[in-house]
PDB file of all heavy atoms in Angstrom:
ATOM      1  N   ALA A   1      -7.479 -90.691 -12.653  1.00  0.00           N
ATOM      2  CA  ALA A   1      -7.236 -90.178 -11.295  1.00  0.00           C
ATOM      3  C   ALA A   1      -6.928 -91.310 -10.326  1.00  0.00           C
ATOM      4  O   ALA A   1      -6.046 -91.191  -9.466  1.00  0.00           O
ATOM      5  CB  ALA A   1      -8.443 -89.378 -10.815  1.00  0.00           C
ATOM      6  N   VAL A   2      -7.650 -92.409 -10.437  1.00  0.00           N
ATOM      7  CA  VAL A   2      -7.406 -93.558  -9.561  1.00  0.00           C
ATOM      8  C   VAL A   2      -6.020 -94.138  -9.833  1.00  0.00           C
ATOM      9  O   VAL A   2      -5.258 -94.447  -8.911  1.00  0.00           O
ATOM     10  CB  VAL A   2      -8.504 -94.621  -9.752  1.00  0.00           C
ATOM     11  CG1 VAL A   2      -8.161 -95.898  -8.989  1.00  0.00           C
ATOM     12  CG2 VAL A   2      -9.859 -94.083  -9.284  1.00  0.00           C
ATOM     13  N   ALA A   3      -5.673 -94.261 -11.126  1.00  0.00           N
ATOM     14  CA  ALA A   3      -4.351 -94.786 -11.476  1.00  0.00           C
ATOM     15  C   ALA A   3      -3.248 -93.851 -10.989  1.00  0.00           C
ATOM     16  O   ALA A   3      -2.205 -94.302 -10.504  1.00  0.00           O
ATOM     17  CB  ALA A   3      -4.252 -94.974 -12.992  1.00  0.00           C
ATOM     18  N   ALA A   4      -3.472 -92.542 -11.096  1.00  0.00           N
ATOM     19  CA  ALA A   4      -2.475 -91.571 -10.639  1.00  0.00           C
ATOM     20  C   ALA A   4      -2.234 -91.709  -9.143  1.00  0.00           C
ATOM     21  O   ALA A   4      -1.107 -91.578  -8.669  1.00  0.00           O
ATOM     22  CB  ALA A   4      -2.936 -90.152 -10.976  1.00  0.00           C
ATOM     23  N   THR A   5      -3.298 -91.985  -8.409  1.00  0.00           N
ATOM     24  CA  THR A   5      -3.164 -92.192  -6.963  1.00  0.00           C
ATOM     25  C   THR A   5      -2.240 -93.363  -6.678  1.00  0.00           C
ATOM     26  O   THR A   5      -1.370 -93.290  -5.799  1.00  0.00           O
ATOM     27  CB  THR A   5      -4.544 -92.441  -6.335  1.00  0.00           C
ATOM     28  OG1 THR A   5      -5.400 -91.334  -6.609  1.00  0.00           O
ATOM     29  CG2 THR A   5      -4.436 -92.634  -4.826  1.00  0.00           C
ATOM     30  N   ALA A   6      -2.411 -94.439  -7.437  1.00  0.00           N
ATOM     31  CA  ALA A   6      -1.563 -95.619  -7.253  1.00  0.00           C
ATOM     32  C   ALA A   6      -0.105 -95.320  -7.580  1.00  0.00           C
ATOM     33  O   ALA A   6       0.796 -95.978  -7.064  1.00  0.00           O
ATOM     34  CB  ALA A   6      -2.073 -96.768  -8.116  1.00  0.00           C
ATOM     35  N   LEU A   7       0.126 -94.310  -8.420  1.00  0.00           N
ATOM     36  CA  LEU A   7       1.491 -93.935  -8.795  1.00  0.00           C
ATOM     37  C   LEU A   7       2.074 -92.860  -7.882  1.00  0.00           C
ATOM     38  O   LEU A   7       3.155 -92.356  -8.132  1.00  0.00           O
ATOM     39  CB  LEU A   7       1.506 -93.460 -10.249  1.00  0.00           C
ATOM     40  CG  LEU A   7       1.302 -94.561 -11.295  1.00  0.00           C
ATOM     41  CD1 LEU A   7       1.030 -93.960 -12.663  1.00  0.00           C
ATOM     42  CD2 LEU A   7       2.510 -95.489 -11.344  1.00  0.00           C
ATOM     43  N   GLY A   8       1.326 -92.494  -6.848  1.00  0.00           N
ATOM     44  CA  GLY A   8       1.866 -91.576  -5.855  1.00  0.00           C
ATOM     45  C   GLY A   8       1.427 -90.132  -5.983  1.00  0.00           C
ATOM     46  O   GLY A   8       2.009 -89.258  -5.328  1.00  0.00           O
ATOM     47  N   ALA A   9       0.422 -89.840  -6.796  1.00  0.00           N
ATOM     48  CA  ALA A   9      -0.046 -88.459  -6.942  1.00  0.00           C
ATOM     49  C   ALA A   9      -0.516 -87.908  -5.602  1.00  0.00           C
ATOM     50  O   ALA A   9      -1.314 -88.534  -4.907  1.00  0.00           O
ATOM     51  CB  ALA A   9      -1.183 -88.386  -7.961  1.00  0.00           C
ATOM     52  N   GLY A  10      -0.038 -86.723  -5.256  1.00  0.00           N
ATOM     53  CA  GLY A  10      -0.458 -86.092  -4.011  1.00  0.00           C
ATOM     54  C   GLY A  10      -1.566 -85.085  -4.205  1.00  0.00           C
ATOM     55  O   GLY A  10      -2.217 -84.674  -3.247  1.00  0.00           O
ATOM     56  N   VAL A  11      -1.773 -84.673  -5.458  1.00  0.00           N
ATOM     57  CA  VAL A  11      -2.793 -83.687  -5.798  1.00  0.00           C
ATOM     58  C   VAL A  11      -3.485 -84.137  -7.079  1.00  0.00           C
ATOM     59  O   VAL A  11      -2.819 -84.580  -8.020  1.00  0.00           O
ATOM     60  CB  VAL A  11      -2.172 -82.284  -6.011  1.00  0.00           C
ATOM     61  CG1 VAL A  11      -3.230 -81.272  -6.472  1.00  0.00           C
ATOM     62  CG2 VAL A  11      -1.483 -81.798  -4.747  1.00  0.00           C
ATOM     63  N   ILE A  12      -4.816 -84.034  -7.104  1.00  0.00           N
ATOM     64  CA  ILE A  12      -5.577 -84.352  -8.311  1.00  0.00           C
ATOM     65  C   ILE A  12      -6.573 -83.229  -8.558  1.00  0.00           C
ATOM     66  O   ILE A  12      -7.328 -82.849  -7.665  1.00  0.00           O
ATOM     67  CB  ILE A  12      -6.304 -85.702  -8.185  1.00  0.00           C
ATOM     68  CG1 ILE A  12      -5.282 -86.843  -8.184  1.00  0.00           C
ATOM     69  CG2 ILE A  12      -7.308 -85.890  -9.329  1.00  0.00           C
ATOM     70  CD1 ILE A  12      -5.856 -88.193  -7.914  1.00  0.00           C
ATOM     71  N   GLU A  13      -6.551 -82.712  -9.777  1.00  0.00           N
ATOM     72  CA  GLU A  13      -7.457 -81.633 -10.167  1.00  0.00           C
ATOM     73  C   GLU A  13      -8.357 -82.129 -11.295  1.00  0.00           C
ATOM     74  O   GLU A  13      -7.894 -82.761 -12.237  1.00  0.00           O
ATOM     75  CB  GLU A  13      -6.645 -80.435 -10.645  1.00  0.00           C
ATOM     76  CG  GLU A  13      -7.490 -79.272 -11.125  1.00  0.00           C
ATOM     77  CD  GLU A  13      -6.624 -78.166 -11.708  1.00  0.00           C
ATOM     78  OE1 GLU A  13      -5.944 -78.422 -12.739  1.00  0.00           O
ATOM     79  OE2 GLU A  13      -6.611 -77.078 -11.141  1.00  0.00           O
ATOM     80  N   LYS A  14      -9.650 -81.851 -11.166  1.00  0.00           N
ATOM     81  CA  LYS A  14     -10.613 -82.291 -12.177  1.00  0.00           C
ATOM     82  C   LYS A  14     -11.689 -81.221 -12.340  1.00  0.00           C
ATOM     83  O   LYS A  14     -12.151 -80.642 -11.355  1.00  0.00           O
ATOM     84  CB  LYS A  14     -11.256 -83.610 -11.720  1.00  0.00           C
ATOM     85  CG  LYS A  14     -12.085 -84.316 -12.782  1.00  0.00           C
ATOM     86  CD  LYS A  14     -11.218 -85.106 -13.746  1.00  0.00           C
ATOM     87  CE  LYS A  14     -12.080 -85.951 -14.677  1.00  0.00           C
ATOM     88  NZ  LYS A  14     -11.288 -86.768 -15.588  1.00  0.00           N
ATOM     89  N   HIS A  15     -12.095 -80.964 -13.561  1.00  0.00           N
ATOM     90  CA  HIS A  15     -13.129 -79.960 -13.819  1.00  0.00           C
ATOM     91  C   HIS A  15     -14.495 -80.464 -13.345  1.00  0.00           C
ATOM     92  O   HIS A  15     -14.831 -81.639 -13.495  1.00  0.00           O
ATOM     93  CB  HIS A  15     -13.167 -79.627 -15.305  1.00  0.00           C
ATOM     94  CG  HIS A  15     -12.019 -78.778 -15.750  1.00  0.00           C
ATOM     95  ND1 HIS A  15     -12.176 -77.504 -16.223  1.00  0.00           N
ATOM     96  CD2 HIS A  15     -10.685 -79.011 -15.764  1.00  0.00           C
ATOM     97  CE1 HIS A  15     -11.001 -76.990 -16.524  1.00  0.00           C
ATOM     98  NE2 HIS A  15     -10.078 -77.892 -16.255  1.00  0.00           N
ATOM     99  N   PHE A  16     -15.280 -79.531 -12.810  1.00  0.00           N
ATOM    100  CA  PHE A  16     -16.554 -79.856 -12.147  1.00  0.00           C
ATOM    101  C   PHE A  16     -17.678 -79.050 -12.800  1.00  0.00           C
ATOM    102  O   PHE A  16     -17.529 -77.865 -13.086  1.00  0.00           O
ATOM    103  CB  PHE A  16     -16.449 -79.494 -10.661  1.00  0.00           C
ATOM    104  CG  PHE A  16     -17.578 -79.984  -9.807  1.00  0.00           C
ATOM    105  CD1 PHE A  16     -17.429 -81.121  -9.017  1.00  0.00           C
ATOM    106  CD2 PHE A  16     -18.790 -79.317  -9.772  1.00  0.00           C
ATOM    107  CE1 PHE A  16     -18.465 -81.570  -8.210  1.00  0.00           C
ATOM    108  CE2 PHE A  16     -19.838 -79.753  -8.970  1.00  0.00           C
ATOM    109  CZ  PHE A  16     -19.674 -80.893  -8.187  1.00  0.00           C
ATOM    110  N   ILE A  17     -18.817 -79.700 -13.005  1.00  0.00           N
ATOM    111  CA  ILE A  17     -19.984 -79.033 -13.586  1.00  0.00           C
ATOM    112  C   ILE A  17     -21.245 -79.624 -12.973  1.00  0.00           C
ATOM    113  O   ILE A  17     -21.252 -80.795 -12.565  1.00  0.00           O
ATOM    114  CB  ILE A  17     -19.997 -79.199 -15.127  1.00  0.00           C
ATOM    115  CG1 ILE A  17     -20.970 -78.216 -15.791  1.00  0.00           C
ATOM    116  CG2 ILE A  17     -20.307 -80.640 -15.526  1.00  0.00           C
ATOM    117  CD1 ILE A  17     -20.822 -78.153 -17.292  1.00  0.00           C
ATOM    118  N   MET A  18     -22.292 -78.839 -12.888  1.00  0.00           N
ATOM    119  CA  MET A  18     -23.553 -79.361 -12.349  1.00  0.00           C
ATOM    120  C   MET A  18     -24.186 -80.350 -13.311  1.00  0.00           C
ATOM    121  O   MET A  18     -24.693 -81.394 -12.916  1.00  0.00           O
ATOM    122  CB  MET A  18     -24.516 -78.211 -12.054  1.00  0.00           C
ATOM    123  CG  MET A  18     -24.065 -77.278 -10.942  1.00  0.00           C
ATOM    124  SD  MET A  18     -23.771 -78.142  -9.372  1.00  0.00           S
ATOM    125  CE  MET A  18     -25.432 -78.665  -8.958  1.00  0.00           C
ATOM    126  N   SER A  19     -24.176 -80.010 -14.600  1.00  0.00           N
ATOM    127  CA  SER A  19     -24.752 -80.902 -15.616  1.00  0.00           C
ATOM    128  C   SER A  19     -24.113 -80.606 -16.963  1.00  0.00           C
ATOM    129  O   SER A  19     -24.151 -79.461 -17.435  1.00  0.00           O
ATOM    130  CB  SER A  19     -26.265 -80.704 -15.710  1.00  0.00           C
ATOM    131  OG  SER A  19     -26.795 -81.397 -16.834  1.00  0.00           O
ATOM    132  N   ARG A  20     -23.529 -81.619 -17.593  1.00  0.00           N
ATOM    133  CA  ARG A  20     -22.931 -81.414 -18.913  1.00  0.00           C
ATOM    134  C   ARG A  20     -23.985 -81.005 -19.943  1.00  0.00           C
ATOM    135  O   ARG A  20     -23.680 -80.328 -20.924  1.00  0.00           O
ATOM    136  CB  ARG A  20     -22.202 -82.679 -19.368  1.00  0.00           C
ATOM    137  CG  ARG A  20     -20.846 -82.874 -18.707  1.00  0.00           C
ATOM    138  CD  ARG A  20     -20.069 -84.017 -19.338  1.00  0.00           C
ATOM    139  NE  ARG A  20     -20.726 -85.281 -19.103  1.00  0.00           N
ATOM    140  CZ  ARG A  20     -20.565 -86.027 -18.017  1.00  0.00           C
ATOM    141  NH1 ARG A  20     -19.759 -85.605 -17.042  1.00  0.00           N
ATOM    142  NH2 ARG A  20     -21.189 -87.174 -17.882  1.00  0.00           N
ATOM    143  N   ALA A  21     -25.223 -81.418 -19.711  1.00  0.00           N
ATOM    144  CA  ALA A  21     -26.299 -81.093 -20.652  1.00  0.00           C
ATOM    145  C   ALA A  21     -26.540 -79.591 -20.743  1.00  0.00           C
ATOM    146  O   ALA A  21     -27.051 -79.096 -21.746  1.00  0.00           O
ATOM    147  CB  ALA A  21     -27.584 -81.804 -20.240  1.00  0.00           C
ATOM    148  N   GLU A  22     -26.167 -78.864 -19.694  1.00  0.00           N
ATOM    149  CA  GLU A  22     -26.353 -77.412 -19.706  1.00  0.00           C
ATOM    150  C   GLU A  22     -25.295 -76.701 -20.539  1.00  0.00           C
ATOM    151  O   GLU A  22     -25.392 -75.505 -20.784  1.00  0.00           O
ATOM    152  CB  GLU A  22     -26.305 -76.876 -18.271  1.00  0.00           C
ATOM    153  CG  GLU A  22     -27.444 -77.376 -17.388  1.00  0.00           C
ATOM    154  CD  GLU A  22     -27.312 -76.882 -15.962  1.00  0.00           C
ATOM    155  OE1 GLU A  22     -26.358 -76.122 -15.674  1.00  0.00           O
ATOM    156  OE2 GLU A  22     -28.164 -77.251 -15.132  1.00  0.00           O
ATOM    157  N   GLY A  23     -24.275 -77.435 -20.964  1.00  0.00           N
ATOM    158  CA  GLY A  23     -23.208 -76.831 -21.738  1.00  0.00           C
ATOM    159  C   GLY A  23     -22.270 -76.031 -20.868  1.00  0.00           C
ATOM    160  O   GLY A  23     -22.367 -76.002 -19.644  1.00  0.00           O
ATOM    161  N   GLY A  24     -21.344 -75.351 -21.514  1.00  0.00           N
ATOM    162  CA  GLY A  24     -20.300 -74.614 -20.796  1.00  0.00           C
ATOM    163  C   GLY A  24     -18.986 -74.841 -21.520  1.00  0.00           C
ATOM    164  O   GLY A  24     -18.813 -75.859 -22.203  1.00  0.00           O
TER     165      GLY A  24
END
């Protein structure tokens, strides 16, 4: 995501979870 910003990305999407240990 940081590298994409340097390349001009205007939008970044990333999956979000409270805790990976809880699974999903």
